[in-house]
Amino acid sequence: MDQMIEHEQRLAAQASAALKAIARRPDIKGYIENSPSSYTLLQRAAARYVTGEKRSQALEVANQLIDYDYAVSLEYIGENTVSLAACQQAQQELTGLILEMGEQGMSGRVSFDLSHIGLLVDRELALRHLLELGELSQKYTIELFISMEESAKTESILEVYRQAVAIYPLIGITLQAQLNRTPSDALDVLATDTRVRIVKGAFEELDTIALSRSAELDQRYKELFELAVQRGCHISIATHDETLINRLLQYEFKEAASVELELLYGIRPELCVKLREKGYPVRIYLTYGQKWYLYLCHRIAEYPPNLFQALVDIVDGQREAPVLQYHVT
């Protein structure tokens, strides 16, 4: 029996690595995006995790979740943008999102990758776009949150973040526990009222620079959380690992400016409901847009049995809107 369990765990790890590798294949990504039949089929699977292709769809779901007493974070999906025109289009969409949220009086957060708004074209372009978004978000008291990307971009992301947050303090940063450099980065960037999201890390990285899923990774996550508490940060515990969540919720965190739990839309809705019923603040991370292929691959890769759910969704579709699963009765 033990050998069977070990075999299944090994297969799951191999499947996860394979899915992450597939996600990074531009030829496969291009084929899916340019093949109407493949795109339509996989879009059925993506609909469990992505609110839709349009901003209006994301805002509709966000308002429903707010009515259910959740906080929300919205992301216009996209990353690794390499043309100036595409970066400007992403900037315009994020500007429109902030404006519409502000005009609706919606309390929330807007998240994005810096590589979506110019980091790979020119670092100064990404900074300029971020400062423009920061000025607008400050007007409406909407948080901006920078997502973390592959380790090769980490230094540039942190440098742009440091420059921007010095001007607009409502800008938050994401830290990946899996990277060996992160404890040092955390000591550098975390201060009173810093807004930080702590994640395990979704990217496939070399063993020499990152931890695999393990008890050691969970311990590092806990240590990062403790440091953020001690520094008086606004903290988002961003994980679906219920064992780790329960471990952190036992910790005394009165020193923190605030602590919330953040979970991705479509992942563990029953856990979100349970946490809300216990009175914990829960934020749901919503995505929208057409560039959902990579996001879908990551959702399946982080929990390979989701592949079975994806197959069911492709064949049968979904019987109800995912947002309805978040309603606390």
C-alpha atoms as a PDB file:
ATOM      1  CA  MET A   1       0.000   0.000   0.000  1.00  0.00           C
ATOM      2  CA  ASP A   2       2.810   2.419   0.909  1.00  0.00           C
ATOM      3  CA  GLN A   3       4.475   1.699  -2.430  1.00  0.00           C
ATOM      4  CA  MET A   4       1.227   2.433  -4.254  1.00  0.00           C
ATOM      5  CA  ILE A   5       0.837   5.762  -2.426  1.00  0.00           C
ATOM      6  CA  GLU A   6       4.443   6.683  -3.213  1.00  0.00           C
ATOM      7  CA  HIS A   7       3.884   5.762  -6.869  1.00  0.00           C
ATOM      8  CA  GLU A   8       0.754   7.924  -7.067  1.00  0.00           C
ATOM      9  CA  GLN A   9       2.544  10.852  -5.425  1.00  0.00           C
ATOM     10  CA  ARG A  10       5.457  10.502  -7.834  1.00  0.00           C
ATOM     11  CA  LEU A  11       3.107  10.388 -10.821  1.00  0.00           C
ATOM     12  CA  ALA A  12       1.253  13.458  -9.542  1.00  0.00           C
ATOM     13  CA  ALA A  13       4.531  15.367  -9.206  1.00  0.00           C
ATOM     14  CA  GLN A  14       5.624  14.309 -12.705  1.00  0.00           C
ATOM     15  CA  ALA A  15       2.233  15.276 -14.137  1.00  0.00           C
ATOM     16  CA  SER A  16       2.450  18.677 -12.462  1.00  0.00           C
ATOM     17  CA  ALA A  17       5.923  19.308 -13.895  1.00  0.00           C
ATOM     18  CA  ALA A  18       4.784  18.179 -17.349  1.00  0.00           C
ATOM     19  CA  LEU A  19       1.774  20.506 -17.293  1.00  0.00           C
ATOM     20  CA  LYS A  20       3.944  23.444 -16.248  1.00  0.00           C
ATOM     21  CA  ALA A  21       6.330  22.638 -19.106  1.00  0.00           C
ATOM     22  CA  ILE A  22       3.437  22.454 -21.585  1.00  0.00           C
ATOM     23  CA  ALA A  23       2.150  25.798 -20.338  1.00  0.00           C
ATOM     24  CA  ARG A  24       5.457  27.405 -21.321  1.00  0.00           C
ATOM     25  CA  ARG A  25       5.496  25.950 -24.851  1.00  0.00           C
ATOM     26  CA  PRO A  26       4.738  28.908 -27.174  1.00  0.00           C
ATOM     27  CA  ASP A  27       3.996  26.561 -30.090  1.00  0.00           C
ATOM     28  CA  ILE A  28       1.268  24.738 -28.136  1.00  0.00           C
ATOM     29  CA  LYS A  29      -0.077  27.989 -26.720  1.00  0.00           C
ATOM     30  CA  GLY A  30      -0.190  29.530 -30.191  1.00  0.00           C
ATOM     31  CA  TYR A  31      -1.929  26.496 -31.660  1.00  0.00           C
ATOM     32  CA  ILE A  32      -4.647  26.561 -28.977  1.00  0.00           C
ATOM     33  CA  GLU A  33      -5.242  30.297 -29.294  1.00  0.00           C
ATOM     34  CA  ASN A  34      -5.450  30.139 -33.088  1.00  0.00           C
ATOM     35  CA  SER A  35      -7.525  26.982 -33.382  1.00  0.00           C
ATOM     36  CA  PRO A  36     -11.237  27.853 -32.939  1.00  0.00           C
ATOM     37  CA  SER A  37     -12.229  24.254 -32.114  1.00  0.00           C
ATOM     38  CA  SER A  38      -9.456  23.693 -29.542  1.00  0.00           C
ATOM     39  CA  TYR A  39      -9.961  27.148 -28.055  1.00  0.00           C
ATOM     40  CA  THR A  40     -13.698  26.584 -27.601  1.00  0.00           C
ATOM     41  CA  LEU A  41     -13.233  23.180 -25.961  1.00  0.00           C
ATOM     42  CA  LEU A  42     -10.572  24.324 -23.504  1.00  0.00           C
ATOM     43  CA  GLN A  43     -12.521  27.483 -22.774  1.00  0.00           C
ATOM     44  CA  ARG A  44     -15.184  25.254 -21.201  1.00  0.00           C
ATOM     45  CA  ALA A  45     -12.560  24.010 -18.745  1.00  0.00           C
ATOM     46  CA  ALA A  46     -11.173  27.501 -18.164  1.00  0.00           C
ATOM     47  CA  ALA A  47     -14.644  28.824 -17.277  1.00  0.00           C
ATOM     48  CA  ARG A  48     -14.348  27.135 -13.875  1.00  0.00           C
ATOM     49  CA  TYR A  49     -11.416  29.411 -12.990  1.00  0.00           C
ATOM     50  CA  VAL A  50     -11.859  32.463 -15.256  1.00  0.00           C
ATOM     51  CA  THR A  51     -14.913  34.726 -14.962  1.00  0.00           C
ATOM     52  CA  GLY A  52     -15.025  35.417 -18.705  1.00  0.00           C
ATOM     53  CA  GLU A  53     -13.251  37.284 -21.463  1.00  0.00           C
ATOM     54  CA  LYS A  54     -14.856  40.667 -20.752  1.00  0.00           C
ATOM     55  CA  ARG A  55     -14.408  43.148 -17.915  1.00  0.00           C
ATOM     56  CA  SER A  56     -18.160  43.314 -17.411  1.00  0.00           C
ATOM     57  CA  GLN A  57     -18.248  39.586 -16.634  1.00  0.00           C
ATOM     58  CA  ALA A  58     -15.538  39.930 -13.996  1.00  0.00           C
ATOM     59  CA  LEU A  59     -17.277  42.895 -12.380  1.00  0.00           C
ATOM     60  CA  GLU A  60     -20.596  41.031 -12.318  1.00  0.00           C
ATOM     61  CA  VAL A  61     -19.031  38.095 -10.470  1.00  0.00           C
ATOM     62  CA  ALA A  62     -17.115  40.480  -8.190  1.00  0.00           C
ATOM     63  CA  ASN A  63     -20.302  42.242  -7.154  1.00  0.00           C
ATOM     64  CA  GLN A  64     -21.988  38.917  -6.395  1.00  0.00           C
ATOM     65  CA  LEU A  65     -19.073  37.861  -4.203  1.00  0.00           C
ATOM     66  CA  ILE A  66     -19.107  41.209  -2.403  1.00  0.00           C
ATOM     67  CA  ASP A  67     -22.801  40.608  -1.716  1.00  0.00           C
ATOM     68  CA  TYR A  68     -21.771  37.244  -0.223  1.00  0.00           C
ATOM     69  CA  ASP A  69     -19.409  39.190   2.112  1.00  0.00           C
ATOM     70  CA  TYR A  70     -16.114  38.388   0.383  1.00  0.00           C
ATOM     71  CA  ALA A  71     -13.395  40.847  -0.611  1.00  0.00           C
ATOM     72  CA  VAL A  72     -12.242  40.628  -4.229  1.00  0.00           C
ATOM     73  CA  SER A  73      -9.121  41.001  -6.321  1.00  0.00           C
ATOM     74  CA  LEU A  74      -9.413  41.315 -10.104  1.00  0.00           C
ATOM     75  CA  GLU A  75      -6.774  40.500 -12.707  1.00  0.00           C
ATOM     76  CA  TYR A  76      -6.846  41.120 -16.442  1.00  0.00           C
ATOM     77  CA  ILE A  77      -4.918  38.039 -17.537  1.00  0.00           C
ATOM     78  CA  GLY A  78      -1.686  38.537 -19.419  1.00  0.00           C
ATOM     79  CA  GLU A  79       2.077  38.374 -19.059  1.00  0.00           C
ATOM     80  CA  ASN A  80       5.331  38.333 -21.036  1.00  0.00           C
ATOM     81  CA  THR A  81       4.071  41.034 -23.381  1.00  0.00           C
ATOM     82  CA  VAL A  82       6.840  41.949 -25.824  1.00  0.00           C
ATOM     83  CA  SER A  83       5.335  44.659 -28.030  1.00  0.00           C
ATOM     84  CA  LEU A  84       4.782  48.282 -27.071  1.00  0.00           C
ATOM     85  CA  ALA A  85       1.268  48.241 -28.522  1.00  0.00           C
ATOM     86  CA  ALA A  86       0.256  45.205 -26.445  1.00  0.00           C
ATOM     87  CA  CYS A  87       1.670  46.792 -23.276  1.00  0.00           C
ATOM     88  CA  GLN A  88      -0.292  49.959 -23.949  1.00  0.00           C
ATOM     89  CA  GLN A  89      -3.466  47.939 -24.559  1.00  0.00           C
ATOM     90  CA  ALA A  90      -3.026  46.168 -21.218  1.00  0.00           C
ATOM     91  CA  GLN A  91      -2.414  49.515 -19.513  1.00  0.00           C
ATOM     92  CA  GLN A  92      -5.600  50.917 -21.043  1.00  0.00           C
ATOM     93  CA  GLU A  93      -7.622  47.900 -19.900  1.00  0.00           C
ATOM     94  CA  LEU A  94      -6.307  48.120 -16.340  1.00  0.00           C
ATOM     95  CA  THR A  95      -7.029  51.860 -16.340  1.00  0.00           C
ATOM     96  CA  GLY A  96     -10.592  51.137 -17.467  1.00  0.00           C
ATOM     97  CA  LEU A  97     -10.960  48.475 -14.778  1.00  0.00           C
ATOM     98  CA  ILE A  98      -9.858  50.840 -11.997  1.00  0.00           C
ATOM     99  CA  LEU A  99     -12.107  53.612 -13.312  1.00  0.00           C
ATOM    100  CA  GLU A 100     -15.146  51.349 -13.505  1.00  0.00           C
ATOM    101  CA  MET A 101     -14.534  49.923 -10.038  1.00  0.00           C
ATOM    102  CA  GLY A 102     -14.107  53.438  -8.679  1.00  0.00           C
ATOM    103  CA  GLU A 103     -17.218  54.777 -10.372  1.00  0.00           C
ATOM    104  CA  GLN A 104     -19.231  51.851  -8.991  1.00  0.00           C
ATOM    105  CA  GLY A 105     -17.868  52.538  -5.511  1.00  0.00           C
ATOM    106  CA  MET A 106     -16.496  49.006  -5.463  1.00  0.00           C
ATOM    107  CA  SER A 107     -13.991  48.241  -2.727  1.00  0.00           C
ATOM    108  CA  GLY A 108     -11.384  45.915  -4.113  1.00  0.00           C
ATOM    109  CA  ARG A 109      -7.949  45.190  -5.442  1.00  0.00           C
ATOM    110  CA  VAL A 110      -6.465  45.073  -8.941  1.00  0.00           C
ATOM    111  CA  SER A 111      -3.670  42.572  -9.536  1.00  0.00           C
ATOM    112  CA  PHE A 112      -1.363  42.206 -12.538  1.00  0.00           C
ATOM    113  CA  ASP A 113       2.027  41.077 -13.808  1.00  0.00           C
ATOM    114  CA  LEU A 114       4.559  43.786 -14.519  1.00  0.00           C
ATOM    115  CA  SER A 115       5.530  41.884 -17.656  1.00  0.00           C
ATOM    116  CA  HIS A 116       2.012  42.568 -18.922  1.00  0.00           C
ATOM    117  CA  ILE A 117       2.533  46.340 -18.832  1.00  0.00           C
ATOM    118  CA  GLY A 118       6.070  46.645 -20.128  1.00  0.00           C
ATOM    119  CA  LEU A 119       8.729  44.949 -17.997  1.00  0.00           C
ATOM    120  CA  LEU A 120      10.091  42.888 -20.911  1.00  0.00           C
ATOM    121  CA  VAL A 121      10.021  45.856 -23.284  1.00  0.00           C
ATOM    122  CA  ASP A 122      11.628  48.412 -20.981  1.00  0.00           C
ATOM    123  CA  ARG A 123      11.769  48.615 -17.196  1.00  0.00           C
ATOM    124  CA  GLU A 124      11.130  52.349 -17.259  1.00  0.00           C
ATOM    125  CA  LEU A 125       7.994  51.749 -19.333  1.00  0.00           C
ATOM    126  CA  ALA A 126       6.700  49.311 -16.713  1.00  0.00           C
ATOM    127  CA  LEU A 127       7.475  51.826 -13.947  1.00  0.00           C
ATOM    128  CA  ARG A 128       5.766  54.658 -15.805  1.00  0.00           C
ATOM    129  CA  HIS A 129       2.660  52.550 -16.378  1.00  0.00           C
ATOM    130  CA  LEU A 130       2.648  51.432 -12.749  1.00  0.00           C
ATOM    131  CA  LEU A 131       2.893  55.014 -11.500  1.00  0.00           C
ATOM    132  CA  GLU A 132       0.000  56.034 -13.753  1.00  0.00           C
ATOM    133  CA  LEU A 133      -2.095  53.204 -12.345  1.00  0.00           C
ATOM    134  CA  GLY A 134      -0.961  54.088  -8.832  1.00  0.00           C
ATOM    135  CA  GLU A 135      -2.119  57.677  -9.182  1.00  0.00           C
ATOM    136  CA  LEU A 136      -5.543  56.572 -10.430  1.00  0.00           C
ATOM    137  CA  SER A 137      -5.982  53.843  -7.819  1.00  0.00           C
ATOM    138  CA  GLN A 138      -5.038  56.285  -5.055  1.00  0.00           C
ATOM    139  CA  LYS A 139      -7.934  58.510  -6.167  1.00  0.00           C
ATOM    140  CA  TYR A 140     -10.431  55.680  -5.606  1.00  0.00           C
ATOM    141  CA  THR A 141      -8.616  53.987  -2.684  1.00  0.00           C
ATOM    142  CA  ILE A 142      -8.232  50.791  -4.696  1.00  0.00           C
ATOM    143  CA  GLU A 143      -5.223  48.599  -3.945  1.00  0.00           C
ATOM    144  CA  LEU A 144      -2.818  47.607  -6.719  1.00  0.00           C
ATOM    145  CA  PHE A 145      -1.034  44.295  -6.305  1.00  0.00           C
ATOM    146  CA  ILE A 146       2.028  43.228  -8.262  1.00  0.00           C
ATOM    147  CA  SER A 147       2.131  39.490  -8.888  1.00  0.00           C
ATOM    148  CA  MET A 148       5.398  37.604  -8.802  1.00  0.00           C
ATOM    149  CA  GLU A 149       6.647  35.827 -11.924  1.00  0.00           C
ATOM    150  CA  GLU A 150       9.522  33.516 -12.850  1.00  0.00           C
ATOM    151  CA  SER A 151      12.658  33.907 -10.748  1.00  0.00           C
ATOM    152  CA  ALA A 152      14.607  35.539 -13.598  1.00  0.00           C
ATOM    153  CA  LYS A 153      12.323  38.577 -13.266  1.00  0.00           C
ATOM    154  CA  THR A 154      12.309  38.819  -9.472  1.00  0.00           C
ATOM    155  CA  GLU A 155      15.024  41.454  -9.089  1.00  0.00           C
ATOM    156  CA  SER A 156      13.483  43.725 -11.726  1.00  0.00           C
ATOM    157  CA  ILE A 157      10.007  43.324 -10.234  1.00  0.00           C
ATOM    158  CA  LEU A 158      11.218  44.228  -6.752  1.00  0.00           C
ATOM    159  CA  GLU A 159      13.170  47.226  -8.048  1.00  0.00           C
ATOM    160  CA  VAL A 160      10.117  48.650  -9.861  1.00  0.00           C
ATOM    161  CA  TYR A 161       7.949  47.929  -6.805  1.00  0.00           C
ATOM    162  CA  ARG A 162      10.322  49.760  -4.438  1.00  0.00           C
ATOM    163  CA  GLN A 163      10.310  52.862  -6.628  1.00  0.00           C
ATOM    164  CA  ALA A 164       6.527  52.912  -7.011  1.00  0.00           C
ATOM    165  CA  VAL A 165       5.476  52.101  -3.443  1.00  0.00           C
ATOM    166  CA  ALA A 166       7.587  54.984  -2.150  1.00  0.00           C
ATOM    167  CA  ILE A 167       5.109  57.259  -3.974  1.00  0.00           C
ATOM    168  CA  TYR A 168       1.864  55.263  -3.806  1.00  0.00           C
ATOM    169  CA  PRO A 169       1.629  53.171  -0.601  1.00  0.00           C
ATOM    170  CA  LEU A 170      -1.504  51.300  -1.751  1.00  0.00           C
ATOM    171  CA  ILE A 171       0.709  49.176  -4.010  1.00  0.00           C
ATOM    172  CA  GLY A 172       1.322  45.656  -2.731  1.00  0.00           C
ATOM    173  CA  ILE A 173       3.881  42.971  -3.588  1.00  0.00           C
ATOM    174  CA  THR A 174       3.739  39.191  -3.855  1.00  0.00           C
ATOM    175  CA  LEU A 175       6.463  36.986  -2.342  1.00  0.00           C
ATOM    176  CA  GLN A 176       7.066  33.372  -3.372  1.00  0.00           C
ATOM    177  CA  ALA A 177       8.032  31.148  -0.458  1.00  0.00           C
ATOM    178  CA  GLN A 178       9.619  28.564  -2.739  1.00  0.00           C
ATOM    179  CA  LEU A 179      12.490  30.821  -3.850  1.00  0.00           C
ATOM    180  CA  ASN A 180      15.605  30.603  -1.696  1.00  0.00           C
ATOM    181  CA  ARG A 181      16.160  34.347  -2.059  1.00  0.00           C
ATOM    182  CA  THR A 182      12.744  35.281  -0.637  1.00  0.00           C
ATOM    183  CA  PRO A 183      13.614  35.363   3.100  1.00  0.00           C
ATOM    184  CA  SER A 184      16.281  37.963   2.310  1.00  0.00           C
ATOM    185  CA  ASP A 185      13.913  39.885   0.021  1.00  0.00           C
ATOM    186  CA  ALA A 186      11.288  39.884   2.762  1.00  0.00           C
ATOM    187  CA  LEU A 187      13.684  41.421   5.260  1.00  0.00           C
ATOM    188  CA  ASP A 188      14.355  44.173   2.750  1.00  0.00           C
ATOM    189  CA  VAL A 189      10.826  45.059   1.583  1.00  0.00           C
ATOM    190  CA  LEU A 190       8.550  44.321   4.547  1.00  0.00           C
ATOM    191  CA  ALA A 191       7.853  47.291   6.796  1.00  0.00           C
ATOM    192  CA  THR A 192       4.934  48.719   8.767  1.00  0.00           C
ATOM    193  CA  ASP A 193       1.807  48.880   6.578  1.00  0.00           C
ATOM    194  CA  THR A 194       3.457  47.062   3.665  1.00  0.00           C
ATOM    195  CA  ARG A 195       0.832  45.174   1.658  1.00  0.00           C
ATOM    196  CA  VAL A 196       2.091  41.676   0.963  1.00  0.00           C
ATOM    197  CA  ARG A 197       0.648  38.523  -0.542  1.00  0.00           C
ATOM    198  CA  ILE A 198       2.502  35.343   0.409  1.00  0.00           C
ATOM    199  CA  VAL A 199       2.270  32.430  -2.030  1.00  0.00           C
ATOM    200  CA  LYS A 200       4.069  29.108  -2.249  1.00  0.00           C
ATOM    201  CA  GLY A 201       4.984  29.716  -5.904  1.00  0.00           C
ATOM    202  CA  ALA A 202       3.491  28.245  -9.065  1.00  0.00           C
ATOM    203  CA  PHE A 203       6.517  28.271 -11.384  1.00  0.00           C
ATOM    204  CA  GLU A 204       8.823  25.379 -12.181  1.00  0.00           C
ATOM    205  CA  GLU A 205      12.247  26.437 -10.875  1.00  0.00           C
ATOM    206  CA  LEU A 206      15.649  24.776 -10.534  1.00  0.00           C
ATOM    207  CA  ASP A 207      16.289  22.857  -7.322  1.00  0.00           C
ATOM    208  CA  THR A 208      19.335  25.051  -6.737  1.00  0.00           C
ATOM    209  CA  ILE A 209      17.228  28.188  -6.306  1.00  0.00           C
ATOM    210  CA  ALA A 210      13.876  26.945  -5.019  1.00  0.00           C
ATOM    211  CA  LEU A 211      12.230  24.421  -2.712  1.00  0.00           C
ATOM    212  CA  SER A 212       9.833  21.773  -3.949  1.00  0.00           C
ATOM    213  CA  ARG A 213       6.484  21.135  -2.275  1.00  0.00           C
ATOM    214  CA  SER A 214       7.584  19.873   1.145  1.00  0.00           C
ATOM    215  CA  ALA A 215       7.424  20.368   4.886  1.00  0.00           C
ATOM    216  CA  GLU A 216      10.447  22.641   4.484  1.00  0.00           C
ATOM    217  CA  LEU A 217       8.483  24.883   2.125  1.00  0.00           C
ATOM    218  CA  ASP A 218       5.562  25.041   4.565  1.00  0.00           C
ATOM    219  CA  GLN A 219       7.955  26.008   7.339  1.00  0.00           C
ATOM    220  CA  ARG A 220       9.453  28.789   5.223  1.00  0.00           C
ATOM    221  CA  TYR A 221       5.954  30.049   4.427  1.00  0.00           C
ATOM    222  CA  LYS A 222       5.188  30.138   8.157  1.00  0.00           C
ATOM    223  CA  GLU A 223       8.417  32.059   8.856  1.00  0.00           C
ATOM    224  CA  LEU A 224       7.598  34.615   6.155  1.00  0.00           C
ATOM    225  CA  PHE A 225       4.147  35.041   7.664  1.00  0.00           C
ATOM    226  CA  GLU A 226       5.619  35.519  11.146  1.00  0.00           C
ATOM    227  CA  LEU A 227       8.029  38.150   9.845  1.00  0.00           C
ATOM    228  CA  ALA A 228       5.208  40.008   8.088  1.00  0.00           C
ATOM    229  CA  VAL A 229       3.186  39.957  11.320  1.00  0.00           C
ATOM    230  CA  GLN A 230       6.119  41.273  13.345  1.00  0.00           C
ATOM    231  CA  ARG A 231       6.690  44.054  10.799  1.00  0.00           C
ATOM    232  CA  GLY A 232       3.037  45.190  11.057  1.00  0.00           C
ATOM    233  CA  CYS A 233       2.102  44.363   7.456  1.00  0.00           C
ATOM    234  CA  HIS A 234      -1.241  43.957   5.706  1.00  0.00           C
ATOM    235  CA  ILE A 235      -1.010  40.247   4.883  1.00  0.00           C
ATOM    236  CA  SER A 236      -2.801  38.056   2.369  1.00  0.00           C
ATOM    237  CA  ILE A 237      -2.336  34.355   3.101  1.00  0.00           C
ATOM    238  CA  ALA A 238      -2.641  33.112  -0.484  1.00  0.00           C
ATOM    239  CA  THR A 239      -2.818  29.322  -0.460  1.00  0.00           C
ATOM    240  CA  HIS A 240      -5.386  26.551  -0.756  1.00  0.00           C
ATOM    241  CA  ASP A 241      -3.440  24.270   1.589  1.00  0.00           C
ATOM    242  CA  GLU A 242      -5.951  23.824   4.406  1.00  0.00           C
ATOM    243  CA  THR A 243      -3.418  22.234   6.742  1.00  0.00           C
ATOM    244  CA  LEU A 244      -1.093  25.221   6.357  1.00  0.00           C
ATOM    245  CA  ILE A 245      -3.987  27.681   6.705  1.00  0.00           C
ATOM    246  CA  ASN A 246      -5.077  26.071   9.975  1.00  0.00           C
ATOM    247  CA  ARG A 247      -1.513  26.177  11.223  1.00  0.00           C
ATOM    248  CA  LEU A 248      -1.197  29.900  10.497  1.00  0.00           C
ATOM    249  CA  LEU A 249      -4.586  30.754  11.990  1.00  0.00           C
ATOM    250  CA  GLN A 250      -3.395  29.346  15.309  1.00  0.00           C
ATOM    251  CA  TYR A 251      -0.632  31.950  15.333  1.00  0.00           C
ATOM    252  CA  GLU A 252      -1.021  35.141  17.356  1.00  0.00           C
ATOM    253  CA  PHE A 253      -1.135  37.927  14.745  1.00  0.00           C
ATOM    254  CA  LYS A 254      -2.397  40.991  16.616  1.00  0.00           C
ATOM    255  CA  GLU A 255       0.750  42.909  15.648  1.00  0.00           C
ATOM    256  CA  ALA A 256      -0.167  42.744  11.961  1.00  0.00           C
ATOM    257  CA  ALA A 257      -2.022  45.673  10.384  1.00  0.00           C
ATOM    258  CA  SER A 258      -4.447  43.094   8.958  1.00  0.00           C
ATOM    259  CA  VAL A 259      -4.561  39.447   7.937  1.00  0.00           C
ATOM    260  CA  GLU A 260      -6.829  37.897   5.330  1.00  0.00           C
ATOM    261  CA  LEU A 261      -7.086  34.649   3.400  1.00  0.00           C
ATOM    262  CA  GLU A 262      -6.928  34.855  -0.380  1.00  0.00           C
ATOM    263  CA  LEU A 263      -8.065  31.986  -2.613  1.00  0.00           C
ATOM    264  CA  LEU A 264      -8.404  31.701  -6.366  1.00  0.00           C
ATOM    265  CA  TYR A 265     -11.850  31.722  -7.945  1.00  0.00           C
ATOM    266  CA  GLY A 266     -12.982  28.188  -8.725  1.00  0.00           C
ATOM    267  CA  ILE A 267     -10.522  26.515  -6.335  1.00  0.00           C
ATOM    268  CA  ARG A 268     -11.846  25.109  -3.056  1.00  0.00           C
ATOM    269  CA  PRO A 269     -15.068  27.197  -2.879  1.00  0.00           C
ATOM    270  CA  GLU A 270     -16.241  24.981  -0.021  1.00  0.00           C
ATOM    271  CA  LEU A 271     -13.144  26.000   1.965  1.00  0.00           C
ATOM    272  CA  CYS A 272     -13.910  29.668   1.300  1.00  0.00           C
ATOM    273  CA  VAL A 273     -17.434  29.164   2.624  1.00  0.00           C
ATOM    274  CA  LYS A 274     -16.171  27.371   5.710  1.00  0.00           C
ATOM    275  CA  LEU A 275     -13.637  30.105   6.499  1.00  0.00           C
ATOM    276  CA  ARG A 276     -16.232  32.854   6.018  1.00  0.00           C
ATOM    277  CA  GLU A 277     -18.672  31.016   8.293  1.00  0.00           C
ATOM    278  CA  LYS A 278     -15.966  30.978  10.957  1.00  0.00           C
ATOM    279  CA  GLY A 279     -15.680  34.754  10.626  1.00  0.00           C
ATOM    280  CA  TYR A 280     -12.319  34.999   8.845  1.00  0.00           C
ATOM    281  CA  PRO A 281     -11.879  37.676   6.150  1.00  0.00           C
ATOM    282  CA  VAL A 282     -11.641  35.940   2.770  1.00  0.00           C
ATOM    283  CA  ARG A 283     -10.683  37.497  -0.566  1.00  0.00           C
ATOM    284  CA  ILE A 284     -11.462  35.788  -3.868  1.00  0.00           C
ATOM    285  CA  TYR A 285      -8.971  36.310  -6.704  1.00  0.00           C
ATOM    286  CA  LEU A 286     -10.842  36.742 -10.002  1.00  0.00           C
ATOM    287  CA  THR A 287      -9.407  36.697 -13.501  1.00  0.00           C
ATOM    288  CA  TYR A 288     -10.767  37.655 -16.897  1.00  0.00           C
ATOM    289  CA  GLY A 289      -9.523  38.085 -20.452  1.00  0.00           C
ATOM    290  CA  GLN A 290      -8.601  35.986 -23.470  1.00  0.00           C
ATOM    291  CA  LYS A 291      -5.078  34.974 -22.392  1.00  0.00           C
ATOM    292  CA  TRP A 292      -6.315  32.244 -20.053  1.00  0.00           C
ATOM    293  CA  TYR A 293      -4.334  29.295 -21.458  1.00  0.00           C
ATOM    294  CA  LEU A 294      -1.342  29.606 -19.126  1.00  0.00           C
ATOM    295  CA  TYR A 295      -3.607  30.280 -16.153  1.00  0.00           C
ATOM    296  CA  LEU A 296      -5.649  27.138 -16.864  1.00  0.00           C
ATOM    297  CA  CYS A 297      -2.500  25.011 -17.144  1.00  0.00           C
ATOM    298  CA  HIS A 298      -1.268  26.284 -13.781  1.00  0.00           C
ATOM    299  CA  ARG A 299      -4.597  25.538 -12.080  1.00  0.00           C
ATOM    300  CA  ILE A 300      -4.450  21.968 -13.341  1.00  0.00           C
ATOM    301  CA  ALA A 301      -0.736  21.586 -12.620  1.00  0.00           C
ATOM    302  CA  GLU A 302      -1.003  22.617  -8.971  1.00  0.00           C
ATOM    303  CA  TYR A 303      -3.494  19.804  -8.376  1.00  0.00           C
ATOM    304  CA  PRO A 304      -3.319  17.181 -11.191  1.00  0.00           C
ATOM    305  CA  PRO A 305      -6.743  15.628 -10.350  1.00  0.00           C
ATOM    306  CA  ASN A 306      -8.158  18.913 -11.688  1.00  0.00           C
ATOM    307  CA  LEU A 307      -7.372  17.399 -15.086  1.00  0.00           C
ATOM    308  CA  PHE A 308     -10.280  14.995 -14.561  1.00  0.00           C
ATOM    309  CA  GLN A 309     -12.558  17.930 -13.731  1.00  0.00           C
ATOM    310  CA  ALA A 310     -11.358  19.725 -16.868  1.00  0.00           C
ATOM    311  CA  LEU A 311     -12.290  16.714 -18.997  1.00  0.00           C
ATOM    312  CA  VAL A 312     -15.764  16.608 -17.419  1.00  0.00           C
ATOM    313  CA  ASP A 313     -16.235  20.343 -18.045  1.00  0.00           C
ATOM    314  CA  ILE A 314     -15.136  19.992 -21.682  1.00  0.00           C
ATOM    315  CA  VAL A 315     -17.581  17.169 -22.339  1.00  0.00           C
ATOM    316  CA  ASP A 316     -20.568  18.153 -20.186  1.00  0.00           C
ATOM    317  CA  GLY A 317     -20.080  21.830 -19.455  1.00  0.00           C
ATOM    318  CA  GLN A 318     -20.810  23.213 -15.991  1.00  0.00           C
ATOM    319  CA  ARG A 319     -24.183  22.652 -14.389  1.00  0.00           C
ATOM    320  CA  GLU A 320     -24.155  25.937 -12.452  1.00  0.00           C
ATOM    321  CA  ALA A 321     -22.198  29.162 -12.318  1.00  0.00           C
ATOM    322  CA  PRO A 322     -19.098  28.663 -10.112  1.00  0.00           C
ATOM    323  CA  VAL A 323     -19.915  31.828  -8.166  1.00  0.00           C
ATOM    324  CA  LEU A 324     -23.025  30.206  -6.687  1.00  0.00           C
ATOM    325  CA  GLN A 325     -20.797  27.783  -4.776  1.00  0.00           C
ATOM    326  CA  TYR A 326     -19.558  30.692  -2.639  1.00  0.00           C
ATOM    327  CA  HIS A 327     -22.922  31.576  -1.174  1.00  0.00           C
ATOM    328  CA  VAL A 328     -23.012  31.199   2.604  1.00  0.00           C
ATOM    329  CA  THR A 329     -26.485  29.920   3.474  1.00  0.00           C
END
